[in-house]
Amino acid sequence: MIDVAVAAIQCDLTRIVTLDVYKAVGKAGGNDQGFEHSCASCEGNPNPTDWHRAAHDWDQLDQREKVVSINEWIARTVFQRVLERLDVEEDSGETYLDRSVVFWGNELGMNHLNYSVPVLLAGSAGGYLKTGRYIDYIDWDRNVKFSQHNGMVIEGVPYNRLMVTLLQAMGLSPEDYEREAGQGFGETRTLGKSADAFAVDYDFGQVGAVLPGIRA
């Protein structure tokens, strides 16, 4: 699937590809095992190969082994392979990777909370993004919201600003994606969920701005 997707990019048949990693290989008791990302166990049907369930049980060392090893497998087998296939020179002397952004996202930060969601980017979008860095957008001057899974939850910047950054890196202007002028991309309010699980007290004054320190 990765080879077909990259070939389509190189032939300019598409400029956007999404890969949903539903099944993966991880370790259980030190041995390789197949997992799927399902919520079947949430309905009262425990499944030892449920990757979703293992993420919920992060405090248990054996479940943590599964989650960490699954992400290591995705890094090697999916993310790295995409980068290697795109790292081919075009006529301009730049590589497809130089002129692209490969975005490895995550559906959550801590449990089902939208705090501290990890993201890995590769490629500079034609020189728009500065690469080779680790950036932490947590606002360490703010109070701890609460603690969970051995970590402190503290607000940083809204995730929406990452979407704004990527949209502008691809050449779009705010008029192309904003529903209301100056409001950035997506929602900034709680949508029918508990306010305890969603960040609603960020500073949204800059929600329409590109993330600081990420431009080349």
N, C-alpha and C. Protein backbone atom coordinates (compact mmCIF):
# COMPACT_ATOMS: atom_id res chain seq x y z
N MET A 1 0.83 -1.21 0.00
CA MET A 1 0.00 0.00 0.00
C MET A 1 0.86 1.26 0.00
N ILE A 2 1.94 1.24 0.78
CA ILE A 2 2.85 2.39 0.81
C ILE A 2 3.48 2.61 -0.55
N ASP A 3 3.92 1.53 -1.20
CA ASP A 3 4.54 1.65 -2.52
C ASP A 3 3.57 2.23 -3.54
N VAL A 4 2.32 1.79 -3.50
CA VAL A 4 1.31 2.29 -4.43
C VAL A 4 1.04 3.77 -4.16
N ALA A 5 0.93 4.14 -2.87
CA ALA A 5 0.65 5.53 -2.50
C ALA A 5 1.77 6.46 -2.96
N VAL A 6 3.02 6.05 -2.73
CA VAL A 6 4.15 6.89 -3.12
C VAL A 6 4.25 6.99 -4.65
N ALA A 7 3.97 5.90 -5.34
CA ALA A 7 3.98 5.93 -6.81
C ALA A 7 2.94 6.91 -7.32
N ALA A 8 1.78 6.96 -6.69
CA ALA A 8 0.72 7.89 -7.10
C ALA A 8 1.15 9.33 -6.90
N ILE A 9 1.89 9.59 -5.80
CA ILE A 9 2.41 10.93 -5.55
C ILE A 9 3.44 11.31 -6.61
N GLN A 10 4.36 10.39 -6.89
CA GLN A 10 5.43 10.67 -7.85
C GLN A 10 4.90 10.85 -9.27
N CYS A 11 3.77 10.21 -9.57
CA CYS A 11 3.15 10.36 -10.89
C CYS A 11 2.16 11.53 -10.91
N ASP A 12 2.03 12.24 -9.79
CA ASP A 12 1.13 13.37 -9.65
C ASP A 12 -0.33 12.99 -9.89
N LEU A 13 -0.68 11.76 -9.50
CA LEU A 13 -2.07 11.33 -9.55
C LEU A 13 -2.82 11.78 -8.30
N THR A 14 -2.07 12.02 -7.23
CA THR A 14 -2.65 12.57 -6.01
C THR A 14 -1.57 13.35 -5.28
N ARG A 15 -1.99 14.27 -4.44
CA ARG A 15 -1.04 15.02 -3.63
C ARG A 15 -1.29 14.83 -2.13
N ILE A 16 -2.32 14.07 -1.80
CA ILE A 16 -2.63 13.78 -0.41
C ILE A 16 -2.90 12.29 -0.26
N VAL A 17 -2.27 11.66 0.72
CA VAL A 17 -2.48 10.24 1.02
C VAL A 17 -2.69 10.10 2.52
N THR A 18 -3.65 9.29 2.91
CA THR A 18 -3.88 8.99 4.33
C THR A 18 -3.73 7.50 4.55
N LEU A 19 -2.91 7.11 5.51
CA LEU A 19 -2.75 5.72 5.90
C LEU A 19 -3.27 5.54 7.32
N ASP A 20 -4.27 4.71 7.49
CA ASP A 20 -4.85 4.44 8.81
C ASP A 20 -4.30 3.11 9.31
N VAL A 21 -3.46 3.16 10.33
CA VAL A 21 -2.85 1.92 10.85
C VAL A 21 -3.81 1.31 11.87
N TYR A 22 -4.59 0.36 11.42
CA TYR A 22 -5.58 -0.30 12.27
C TYR A 22 -5.00 -1.56 12.91
N LYS A 23 -4.15 -2.25 12.18
CA LYS A 23 -3.50 -3.46 12.69
C LYS A 23 -2.00 -3.23 12.75
N ALA A 24 -1.36 -3.79 13.77
CA ALA A 24 0.07 -3.59 13.96
C ALA A 24 0.66 -4.77 14.70
N VAL A 25 1.99 -4.80 14.75
CA VAL A 25 2.71 -5.84 15.49
C VAL A 25 3.32 -5.21 16.73
N GLY A 26 3.12 -5.84 17.86
CA GLY A 26 3.71 -5.38 19.11
C GLY A 26 4.28 -6.55 19.88
N LYS A 27 4.65 -6.32 21.10
CA LYS A 27 5.21 -7.39 21.92
C LYS A 27 4.35 -7.63 23.14
N ALA A 28 4.18 -8.88 23.47
CA ALA A 28 3.48 -9.30 24.68
C ALA A 28 4.35 -10.36 25.35
N GLY A 29 4.82 -10.04 26.55
CA GLY A 29 5.73 -10.98 27.22
C GLY A 29 7.04 -11.15 26.48
N GLY A 30 7.46 -10.11 25.74
CA GLY A 30 8.71 -10.17 25.00
C GLY A 30 8.61 -10.80 23.64
N ASN A 31 7.44 -11.32 23.26
CA ASN A 31 7.25 -11.99 21.98
C ASN A 31 6.38 -11.15 21.05
N ASP A 32 6.68 -11.21 19.74
CA ASP A 32 5.88 -10.49 18.76
C ASP A 32 4.46 -11.02 18.72
N GLN A 33 3.50 -10.10 18.57
CA GLN A 33 2.10 -10.50 18.52
C GLN A 33 1.34 -9.48 17.69
N GLY A 34 0.33 -9.94 16.98
CA GLY A 34 -0.49 -9.04 16.19
C GLY A 34 -1.55 -8.37 17.05
N PHE A 35 -1.82 -7.11 16.77
CA PHE A 35 -2.83 -6.35 17.50
C PHE A 35 -3.72 -5.62 16.52
N GLU A 36 -4.93 -5.31 16.96
CA GLU A 36 -5.80 -4.43 16.19
C GLU A 36 -6.31 -3.34 17.11
N HIS A 37 -6.63 -2.18 16.52
CA HIS A 37 -7.13 -1.05 17.30
C HIS A 37 -8.64 -1.10 17.27
N SER A 38 -9.21 -1.65 18.31
CA SER A 38 -10.65 -1.86 18.38
C SER A 38 -11.17 -1.36 19.71
N CYS A 39 -12.45 -1.11 19.76
CA CYS A 39 -13.06 -0.75 21.04
C CYS A 39 -14.01 -1.86 21.49
N ALA A 40 -13.81 -3.06 20.94
CA ALA A 40 -14.69 -4.17 21.32
C ALA A 40 -14.62 -4.44 22.81
N SER A 41 -13.41 -4.34 23.39
CA SER A 41 -13.26 -4.63 24.81
C SER A 41 -13.93 -3.57 25.68
N CYS A 42 -14.19 -2.38 25.09
CA CYS A 42 -14.87 -1.34 25.86
C CYS A 42 -16.32 -1.74 26.13
N GLU A 43 -16.82 -2.68 25.35
CA GLU A 43 -18.21 -3.11 25.51
C GLU A 43 -18.31 -4.33 26.42
N GLY A 44 -17.25 -4.58 27.18
CA GLY A 44 -17.30 -5.70 28.12
C GLY A 44 -16.79 -7.01 27.54
N ASN A 45 -16.07 -6.94 26.42
CA ASN A 45 -15.51 -8.15 25.81
C ASN A 45 -13.99 -8.06 25.81
N PRO A 46 -13.34 -8.42 26.91
CA PRO A 46 -11.88 -8.31 26.99
C PRO A 46 -11.19 -9.07 25.85
N ASN A 47 -10.21 -8.43 25.26
CA ASN A 47 -9.47 -9.03 24.15
C ASN A 47 -7.99 -8.71 24.36
N PRO A 48 -7.15 -9.72 24.63
CA PRO A 48 -5.73 -9.44 24.93
C PRO A 48 -4.97 -8.83 23.76
N THR A 49 -5.53 -8.90 22.54
CA THR A 49 -4.83 -8.31 21.40
C THR A 49 -5.42 -6.97 21.00
N ASP A 50 -6.23 -6.36 21.89
CA ASP A 50 -6.85 -5.07 21.60
C ASP A 50 -5.89 -3.95 21.97
N TRP A 51 -5.36 -3.29 20.98
CA TRP A 51 -4.42 -2.19 21.14
C TRP A 51 -5.08 -1.01 21.87
N HIS A 52 -6.35 -0.76 21.60
CA HIS A 52 -7.08 0.31 22.26
C HIS A 52 -7.13 0.05 23.78
N ARG A 53 -7.45 -1.17 24.16
CA ARG A 53 -7.55 -1.52 25.58
C ARG A 53 -6.20 -1.36 26.27
N ALA A 54 -5.12 -1.76 25.58
CA ALA A 54 -3.79 -1.66 26.16
C ALA A 54 -3.43 -0.21 26.46
N ALA A 55 -3.86 0.72 25.60
CA ALA A 55 -3.58 2.14 25.82
C ALA A 55 -4.29 2.64 27.07
N HIS A 56 -5.50 2.14 27.32
CA HIS A 56 -6.23 2.52 28.53
C HIS A 56 -5.51 2.05 29.79
N ASP A 57 -4.83 0.91 29.69
CA ASP A 57 -4.18 0.31 30.86
C ASP A 57 -2.69 0.62 30.91
N TRP A 58 -2.33 1.83 30.52
CA TRP A 58 -0.94 2.25 30.42
C TRP A 58 -0.18 2.07 31.72
N ASP A 59 -0.85 2.19 32.86
CA ASP A 59 -0.16 2.08 34.15
C ASP A 59 0.36 0.67 34.42
N GLN A 60 -0.13 -0.31 33.69
CA GLN A 60 0.34 -1.69 33.85
C GLN A 60 1.53 -1.94 32.93
N LEU A 61 2.63 -2.42 33.49
CA LEU A 61 3.87 -2.56 32.72
C LEU A 61 3.70 -3.44 31.50
N ASP A 62 2.95 -4.54 31.60
CA ASP A 62 2.80 -5.43 30.45
C ASP A 62 2.01 -4.76 29.33
N GLN A 63 1.03 -3.89 29.69
CA GLN A 63 0.27 -3.17 28.67
C GLN A 63 1.10 -2.04 28.06
N ARG A 64 1.93 -1.43 28.87
CA ARG A 64 2.82 -0.39 28.37
C ARG A 64 3.79 -0.97 27.35
N GLU A 65 4.28 -2.19 27.61
CA GLU A 65 5.17 -2.86 26.65
C GLU A 65 4.48 -2.99 25.30
N LYS A 66 3.20 -3.35 25.31
CA LYS A 66 2.46 -3.50 24.06
C LYS A 66 2.39 -2.18 23.30
N VAL A 67 1.97 -1.12 24.01
CA VAL A 67 1.77 0.16 23.34
C VAL A 67 3.08 0.72 22.80
N VAL A 68 4.14 0.67 23.58
CA VAL A 68 5.45 1.18 23.14
C VAL A 68 5.95 0.39 21.95
N SER A 69 5.86 -0.93 22.01
CA SER A 69 6.38 -1.76 20.92
C SER A 69 5.56 -1.59 19.65
N ILE A 70 4.25 -1.38 19.78
CA ILE A 70 3.40 -1.13 18.61
C ILE A 70 3.83 0.17 17.92
N ASN A 71 4.06 1.21 18.71
CA ASN A 71 4.49 2.49 18.12
C ASN A 71 5.88 2.37 17.50
N GLU A 72 6.76 1.58 18.09
CA GLU A 72 8.08 1.35 17.49
C GLU A 72 7.92 0.64 16.15
N TRP A 73 7.00 -0.31 16.07
CA TRP A 73 6.75 -1.05 14.83
C TRP A 73 6.20 -0.10 13.75
N ILE A 74 5.27 0.77 14.14
CA ILE A 74 4.72 1.73 13.18
C ILE A 74 5.82 2.66 12.67
N ALA A 75 6.70 3.10 13.59
CA ALA A 75 7.79 3.99 13.19
C ALA A 75 8.68 3.34 12.14
N ARG A 76 9.04 2.08 12.36
CA ARG A 76 9.95 1.39 11.44
C ARG A 76 9.26 0.96 10.15
N THR A 77 8.08 0.37 10.29
CA THR A 77 7.45 -0.33 9.17
C THR A 77 6.58 0.57 8.32
N VAL A 78 6.05 1.63 8.90
CA VAL A 78 5.17 2.53 8.15
C VAL A 78 5.85 3.88 7.92
N PHE A 79 6.09 4.61 9.00
CA PHE A 79 6.60 5.98 8.86
C PHE A 79 7.95 6.01 8.15
N GLN A 80 8.91 5.23 8.62
CA GLN A 80 10.24 5.23 8.01
C GLN A 80 10.19 4.79 6.56
N ARG A 81 9.35 3.82 6.27
CA ARG A 81 9.26 3.32 4.89
C ARG A 81 8.71 4.39 3.95
N VAL A 82 7.72 5.16 4.43
CA VAL A 82 7.20 6.26 3.61
C VAL A 82 8.31 7.27 3.32
N LEU A 83 9.08 7.60 4.35
CA LEU A 83 10.16 8.58 4.17
C LEU A 83 11.20 8.07 3.17
N GLU A 84 11.57 6.82 3.30
CA GLU A 84 12.57 6.25 2.38
C GLU A 84 12.08 6.27 0.94
N ARG A 85 10.80 5.97 0.72
CA ARG A 85 10.27 5.94 -0.64
C ARG A 85 10.16 7.35 -1.24
N LEU A 86 9.95 8.36 -0.38
CA LEU A 86 9.84 9.73 -0.87
C LEU A 86 11.19 10.42 -1.02
N ASP A 87 12.22 9.85 -0.44
CA ASP A 87 13.55 10.47 -0.45
C ASP A 87 14.26 10.19 -1.78
N VAL A 88 13.62 10.61 -2.87
CA VAL A 88 14.11 10.40 -4.24
C VAL A 88 14.14 11.75 -4.94
N GLU A 89 15.22 12.05 -5.62
CA GLU A 89 15.36 13.36 -6.26
C GLU A 89 14.39 13.55 -7.42
N GLU A 90 13.85 14.78 -7.50
CA GLU A 90 13.09 15.21 -8.66
C GLU A 90 14.03 15.93 -9.62
N ASP A 91 13.48 16.42 -10.73
CA ASP A 91 14.31 17.11 -11.73
C ASP A 91 14.97 18.35 -11.15
N SER A 92 14.34 18.95 -10.16
CA SER A 92 14.85 20.18 -9.57
C SER A 92 16.07 19.94 -8.67
N GLY A 93 16.35 18.68 -8.35
CA GLY A 93 17.44 18.35 -7.44
C GLY A 93 16.96 18.15 -6.02
N GLU A 94 15.75 18.66 -5.71
CA GLU A 94 15.15 18.39 -4.41
C GLU A 94 14.50 17.02 -4.43
N THR A 95 14.27 16.47 -3.26
CA THR A 95 13.58 15.18 -3.19
C THR A 95 12.08 15.42 -3.00
N TYR A 96 11.31 14.37 -3.27
CA TYR A 96 9.87 14.45 -3.01
C TYR A 96 9.63 14.73 -1.53
N LEU A 97 10.48 14.18 -0.67
CA LEU A 97 10.34 14.41 0.76
C LEU A 97 10.59 15.87 1.12
N ASP A 98 11.60 16.51 0.46
CA ASP A 98 11.86 17.93 0.70
C ASP A 98 10.62 18.77 0.44
N ARG A 99 9.85 18.38 -0.55
CA ARG A 99 8.72 19.19 -0.98
C ARG A 99 7.39 18.70 -0.42
N SER A 100 7.47 17.80 0.56
CA SER A 100 6.27 17.22 1.16
C SER A 100 6.27 17.41 2.66
N VAL A 101 5.16 17.04 3.30
CA VAL A 101 5.08 16.91 4.75
C VAL A 101 4.47 15.55 5.04
N VAL A 102 5.18 14.74 5.80
CA VAL A 102 4.65 13.47 6.26
C VAL A 102 4.28 13.66 7.72
N PHE A 103 3.03 13.47 8.02
CA PHE A 103 2.46 13.78 9.33
C PHE A 103 2.03 12.49 10.01
N TRP A 104 2.70 12.13 11.11
CA TRP A 104 2.29 10.98 11.91
C TRP A 104 1.57 11.52 13.14
N GLY A 105 0.27 11.40 13.12
CA GLY A 105 -0.54 11.90 14.22
C GLY A 105 -0.92 10.81 15.19
N ASN A 106 -1.68 11.19 16.19
CA ASN A 106 -2.13 10.27 17.21
C ASN A 106 -3.55 10.66 17.58
N GLU A 107 -4.37 9.67 17.89
CA GLU A 107 -5.77 9.97 18.18
C GLU A 107 -5.98 10.49 19.59
N LEU A 108 -4.94 10.50 20.41
CA LEU A 108 -5.11 10.95 21.78
C LEU A 108 -3.78 11.35 22.37
N GLY A 109 -3.86 12.04 23.50
CA GLY A 109 -2.65 12.40 24.23
C GLY A 109 -2.52 11.51 25.45
N MET A 110 -3.36 11.75 26.45
CA MET A 110 -3.36 10.95 27.67
C MET A 110 -4.75 10.35 27.82
N ASN A 111 -4.85 9.02 27.64
CA ASN A 111 -6.13 8.33 27.64
C ASN A 111 -7.01 8.93 26.55
N HIS A 112 -8.23 9.37 26.85
CA HIS A 112 -9.10 9.96 25.84
C HIS A 112 -9.08 11.48 25.88
N LEU A 113 -8.02 12.05 26.41
CA LEU A 113 -7.97 13.50 26.57
C LEU A 113 -7.21 14.15 25.42
N ASN A 114 -7.62 15.36 25.07
CA ASN A 114 -6.95 16.04 23.96
C ASN A 114 -5.89 17.01 24.46
N TYR A 115 -5.15 16.59 25.48
CA TYR A 115 -4.00 17.35 25.96
C TYR A 115 -2.72 16.66 25.50
N SER A 116 -1.70 17.43 25.20
CA SER A 116 -0.36 16.90 24.92
C SER A 116 -0.39 15.79 23.86
N VAL A 117 -1.06 16.05 22.76
CA VAL A 117 -1.14 15.06 21.68
C VAL A 117 0.17 15.06 20.91
N PRO A 118 0.86 13.92 20.83
CA PRO A 118 2.16 13.88 20.15
C PRO A 118 2.02 13.85 18.63
N VAL A 119 2.91 14.52 17.94
CA VAL A 119 2.91 14.59 16.48
C VAL A 119 4.35 14.49 15.99
N LEU A 120 4.56 13.79 14.91
CA LEU A 120 5.88 13.71 14.28
C LEU A 120 5.74 14.16 12.83
N LEU A 121 6.53 15.15 12.45
CA LEU A 121 6.52 15.67 11.09
C LEU A 121 7.85 15.40 10.41
N ALA A 122 7.82 15.08 9.13
CA ALA A 122 9.03 14.93 8.33
C ALA A 122 8.82 15.62 6.99
N GLY A 123 9.89 16.16 6.43
CA GLY A 123 9.77 16.94 5.21
C GLY A 123 9.54 18.40 5.55
N SER A 124 9.97 19.28 4.66
CA SER A 124 9.91 20.72 4.98
C SER A 124 8.85 21.47 4.20
N ALA A 125 8.00 20.76 3.45
CA ALA A 125 6.96 21.42 2.64
C ALA A 125 7.57 22.47 1.71
N GLY A 126 8.65 22.07 1.03
CA GLY A 126 9.29 22.99 0.10
C GLY A 126 10.04 24.12 0.78
N GLY A 127 10.50 23.88 2.01
CA GLY A 127 11.26 24.89 2.73
C GLY A 127 10.46 25.71 3.71
N TYR A 128 9.16 25.44 3.84
CA TYR A 128 8.31 26.22 4.75
C TYR A 128 8.62 25.88 6.21
N LEU A 129 8.87 24.61 6.50
CA LEU A 129 9.08 24.14 7.87
C LEU A 129 10.56 23.91 8.15
N LYS A 130 10.97 24.23 9.38
CA LYS A 130 12.33 23.94 9.81
C LYS A 130 12.33 22.56 10.44
N THR A 131 13.20 21.68 9.98
CA THR A 131 13.19 20.29 10.42
C THR A 131 14.32 20.02 11.43
N GLY A 132 14.35 18.78 11.91
CA GLY A 132 15.43 18.34 12.78
C GLY A 132 15.34 18.82 14.21
N ARG A 133 14.12 19.08 14.71
CA ARG A 133 13.99 19.62 16.06
C ARG A 133 12.86 18.93 16.82
N TYR A 134 12.95 19.00 18.14
CA TYR A 134 11.86 18.61 19.03
C TYR A 134 11.29 19.89 19.63
N ILE A 135 9.99 20.11 19.48
CA ILE A 135 9.36 21.32 20.00
C ILE A 135 8.28 20.93 20.99
N ASP A 136 8.32 21.51 22.17
CA ASP A 136 7.34 21.26 23.23
C ASP A 136 6.52 22.54 23.41
N TYR A 137 5.22 22.46 23.13
CA TYR A 137 4.36 23.64 23.22
C TYR A 137 3.60 23.72 24.54
N ILE A 138 3.96 22.91 25.52
CA ILE A 138 3.33 23.03 26.84
C ILE A 138 3.71 24.38 27.45
N ASP A 139 2.75 25.03 28.05
CA ASP A 139 3.00 26.30 28.73
C ASP A 139 3.39 26.01 30.18
N TRP A 140 4.67 25.89 30.44
CA TRP A 140 5.15 25.45 31.74
C TRP A 140 4.93 26.49 32.84
N ASP A 141 4.52 27.70 32.47
CA ASP A 141 4.22 28.71 33.48
C ASP A 141 2.79 28.57 34.02
N ARG A 142 2.00 27.70 33.40
CA ARG A 142 0.63 27.50 33.85
C ARG A 142 0.56 26.43 34.93
N ASN A 143 -0.52 26.44 35.68
CA ASN A 143 -0.73 25.45 36.73
C ASN A 143 -1.04 24.09 36.12
N VAL A 144 -0.76 23.05 36.88
CA VAL A 144 -1.10 21.68 36.47
C VAL A 144 -2.62 21.54 36.47
N LYS A 145 -3.16 21.04 35.36
CA LYS A 145 -4.62 20.84 35.27
C LYS A 145 -5.02 19.66 36.15
N PHE A 146 -4.35 18.54 35.96
CA PHE A 146 -4.51 17.36 36.80
C PHE A 146 -3.43 16.37 36.39
N SER A 147 -3.32 15.25 37.08
CA SER A 147 -2.32 14.24 36.74
C SER A 147 -3.02 12.96 36.33
N GLN A 148 -2.38 12.25 35.40
CA GLN A 148 -2.94 10.98 34.95
C GLN A 148 -1.84 10.16 34.30
N HIS A 149 -1.84 8.87 34.56
CA HIS A 149 -0.86 7.96 33.96
C HIS A 149 0.57 8.45 34.15
N ASN A 150 0.91 8.80 35.36
CA ASN A 150 2.27 9.22 35.70
C ASN A 150 2.69 10.52 35.02
N GLY A 151 1.76 11.30 34.54
CA GLY A 151 2.11 12.54 33.87
C GLY A 151 1.28 13.70 34.35
N MET A 152 1.84 14.90 34.25
CA MET A 152 1.14 16.11 34.62
C MET A 152 0.48 16.71 33.38
N VAL A 153 -0.77 17.06 33.46
CA VAL A 153 -1.50 17.62 32.33
C VAL A 153 -1.53 19.15 32.47
N ILE A 154 -0.91 19.83 31.51
CA ILE A 154 -0.81 21.29 31.50
C ILE A 154 -1.14 21.78 30.09
N GLU A 155 -1.93 22.85 30.01
CA GLU A 155 -2.25 23.40 28.69
C GLU A 155 -1.01 23.96 28.01
N GLY A 156 -1.05 23.96 26.70
CA GLY A 156 0.01 24.58 25.90
C GLY A 156 -0.62 25.49 24.86
N VAL A 157 -0.68 25.02 23.62
CA VAL A 157 -1.40 25.75 22.58
C VAL A 157 -2.43 24.81 21.98
N PRO A 158 -3.53 25.34 21.45
CA PRO A 158 -4.56 24.48 20.85
C PRO A 158 -4.01 23.70 19.65
N TYR A 159 -4.45 22.46 19.53
CA TYR A 159 -4.05 21.60 18.42
C TYR A 159 -4.43 22.21 17.07
N ASN A 160 -5.49 23.03 17.09
CA ASN A 160 -5.94 23.68 15.85
C ASN A 160 -4.80 24.42 15.15
N ARG A 161 -3.87 24.95 15.93
CA ARG A 161 -2.81 25.76 15.33
C ARG A 161 -1.85 24.91 14.50
N LEU A 162 -1.72 23.63 14.84
CA LEU A 162 -0.93 22.74 13.99
C LEU A 162 -1.61 22.58 12.64
N MET A 163 -2.93 22.45 12.65
CA MET A 163 -3.67 22.32 11.39
C MET A 163 -3.51 23.59 10.54
N VAL A 164 -3.59 24.75 11.20
CA VAL A 164 -3.38 26.03 10.50
C VAL A 164 -1.99 26.06 9.87
N THR A 165 -0.98 25.62 10.62
CA THR A 165 0.40 25.62 10.12
C THR A 165 0.53 24.76 8.88
N LEU A 166 -0.04 23.56 8.91
CA LEU A 166 0.08 22.64 7.77
C LEU A 166 -0.71 23.16 6.57
N LEU A 167 -1.87 23.73 6.80
CA LEU A 167 -2.66 24.28 5.70
C LEU A 167 -1.92 25.42 5.00
N GLN A 168 -1.31 26.29 5.80
CA GLN A 168 -0.57 27.39 5.19
C GLN A 168 0.73 26.89 4.54
N ALA A 169 1.33 25.85 5.10
CA ALA A 169 2.52 25.26 4.47
C ALA A 169 2.20 24.72 3.08
N MET A 170 0.95 24.30 2.89
CA MET A 170 0.51 23.77 1.60
C MET A 170 0.01 24.86 0.66
N GLY A 171 0.14 26.13 1.10
CA GLY A 171 -0.20 27.23 0.20
C GLY A 171 -1.58 27.81 0.37
N LEU A 172 -2.36 27.33 1.36
CA LEU A 172 -3.70 27.87 1.57
C LEU A 172 -3.62 29.14 2.41
N SER A 173 -4.60 29.99 2.27
CA SER A 173 -4.71 31.20 3.07
C SER A 173 -5.90 31.03 4.02
N PRO A 174 -5.97 31.84 5.09
CA PRO A 174 -7.08 31.70 6.04
C PRO A 174 -8.46 31.72 5.39
N GLU A 175 -8.62 32.49 4.33
CA GLU A 175 -9.92 32.57 3.66
C GLU A 175 -10.36 31.22 3.09
N ASP A 176 -9.39 30.32 2.87
CA ASP A 176 -9.70 29.03 2.27
C ASP A 176 -10.29 28.04 3.28
N TYR A 177 -10.04 28.24 4.58
CA TYR A 177 -10.48 27.23 5.56
C TYR A 177 -11.19 27.80 6.79
N GLU A 178 -11.17 29.09 7.00
CA GLU A 178 -11.82 29.66 8.18
C GLU A 178 -13.32 29.84 7.97
N ARG A 179 -14.10 29.37 8.93
CA ARG A 179 -15.54 29.61 8.90
C ARG A 179 -15.84 31.05 9.30
N GLU A 180 -15.05 31.55 10.26
CA GLU A 180 -15.16 32.93 10.70
C GLU A 180 -13.77 33.54 10.68
N ALA A 181 -13.66 34.76 10.20
CA ALA A 181 -12.35 35.41 10.09
C ALA A 181 -11.64 35.45 11.44
N GLY A 182 -10.37 35.01 11.42
CA GLY A 182 -9.56 35.06 12.63
C GLY A 182 -9.76 33.90 13.58
N GLN A 183 -10.65 32.94 13.23
CA GLN A 183 -10.97 31.83 14.14
C GLN A 183 -10.20 30.55 13.83
N GLY A 184 -9.26 30.62 12.90
CA GLY A 184 -8.44 29.45 12.64
C GLY A 184 -9.19 28.32 11.98
N PHE A 185 -8.78 27.09 12.29
CA PHE A 185 -9.37 25.91 11.66
C PHE A 185 -10.07 25.04 12.70
N GLY A 186 -11.27 24.57 12.38
CA GLY A 186 -11.97 23.65 13.27
C GLY A 186 -12.68 24.33 14.42
N GLU A 187 -12.96 23.54 15.46
CA GLU A 187 -13.73 24.01 16.60
C GLU A 187 -12.83 24.44 17.76
N THR A 188 -13.31 25.36 18.57
CA THR A 188 -12.60 25.76 19.78
C THR A 188 -13.53 25.68 20.99
N ARG A 189 -14.54 24.83 20.88
CA ARG A 189 -15.48 24.69 22.00
C ARG A 189 -15.71 23.22 22.28
N THR A 190 -16.21 22.92 23.46
CA THR A 190 -16.53 21.55 23.82
C THR A 190 -17.80 21.13 23.09
N LEU A 191 -17.75 19.97 22.44
CA LEU A 191 -18.88 19.51 21.62
C LEU A 191 -19.56 18.32 22.29
N GLY A 192 -20.44 18.61 23.23
CA GLY A 192 -21.25 17.56 23.83
C GLY A 192 -20.50 16.59 24.73
N LYS A 193 -19.30 16.96 25.17
CA LYS A 193 -18.51 16.08 26.03
C LYS A 193 -18.21 16.79 27.35
N SER A 194 -17.73 16.02 28.29
CA SER A 194 -17.37 16.60 29.58
C SER A 194 -16.22 17.57 29.43
N ALA A 195 -16.33 18.72 30.07
CA ALA A 195 -15.26 19.72 30.01
C ALA A 195 -14.00 19.21 30.71
N ASP A 196 -14.15 18.20 31.55
CA ASP A 196 -12.97 17.64 32.23
C ASP A 196 -12.05 16.93 31.25
N ALA A 197 -12.60 16.45 30.16
CA ALA A 197 -11.81 15.66 29.21
C ALA A 197 -11.26 16.49 28.06
N PHE A 198 -11.72 17.71 27.91
CA PHE A 198 -11.31 18.52 26.78
C PHE A 198 -10.80 19.88 27.25
N ALA A 199 -9.77 20.35 26.60
CA ALA A 199 -9.18 21.64 26.97
C ALA A 199 -10.08 22.76 26.47
N VAL A 200 -10.62 23.54 27.39
CA VAL A 200 -11.50 24.64 27.00
C VAL A 200 -11.00 25.97 27.54
N ASP A 201 -9.86 25.96 28.23
CA ASP A 201 -9.37 27.21 28.81
C ASP A 201 -8.02 27.62 28.24
N TYR A 202 -7.73 27.22 27.00
CA TYR A 202 -6.56 27.73 26.31
C TYR A 202 -6.74 29.22 26.01
N ASP A 203 -5.65 29.88 25.69
CA ASP A 203 -5.71 31.23 25.16
C ASP A 203 -5.97 31.11 23.66
N PHE A 204 -7.18 31.44 23.24
CA PHE A 204 -7.55 31.30 21.84
C PHE A 204 -7.31 32.58 21.04
N GLY A 205 -6.61 33.54 21.65
CA GLY A 205 -6.35 34.80 20.96
C GLY A 205 -5.52 34.64 19.70
N GLN A 206 -4.68 33.58 19.66
CA GLN A 206 -3.82 33.35 18.50
C GLN A 206 -4.18 32.06 17.77
N VAL A 207 -5.42 31.59 17.92
CA VAL A 207 -5.79 30.29 17.37
C VAL A 207 -5.68 30.24 15.84
N GLY A 208 -5.71 31.40 15.21
CA GLY A 208 -5.59 31.43 13.75
C GLY A 208 -4.18 31.61 13.25
N ALA A 209 -3.20 31.64 14.17
CA ALA A 209 -1.82 31.90 13.79
C ALA A 209 -1.00 30.62 13.66
N VAL A 210 0.01 30.66 12.79
CA VAL A 210 0.96 29.55 12.64
C VAL A 210 1.68 29.33 13.97
N LEU A 211 2.02 28.08 14.28
CA LEU A 211 2.73 27.78 15.52
C LEU A 211 4.05 28.54 15.58
N PRO A 212 4.41 29.04 16.74
CA PRO A 212 5.68 29.77 16.87
C PRO A 212 6.88 28.83 16.75
N GLY A 213 7.94 29.33 16.13
CA GLY A 213 9.20 28.60 16.09
C GLY A 213 9.27 27.44 15.13
N ILE A 214 8.23 27.27 14.27
CA ILE A 214 8.22 26.11 13.39
C ILE A 214 8.61 26.48 11.94
N ARG A 215 8.53 27.77 11.61
CA ARG A 215 8.86 28.20 10.26
C ARG A 215 10.38 28.18 10.03
N ALA A 216 10.77 27.84 8.82
CA ALA A 216 12.18 27.83 8.46
C ALA A 216 12.70 29.26 8.37
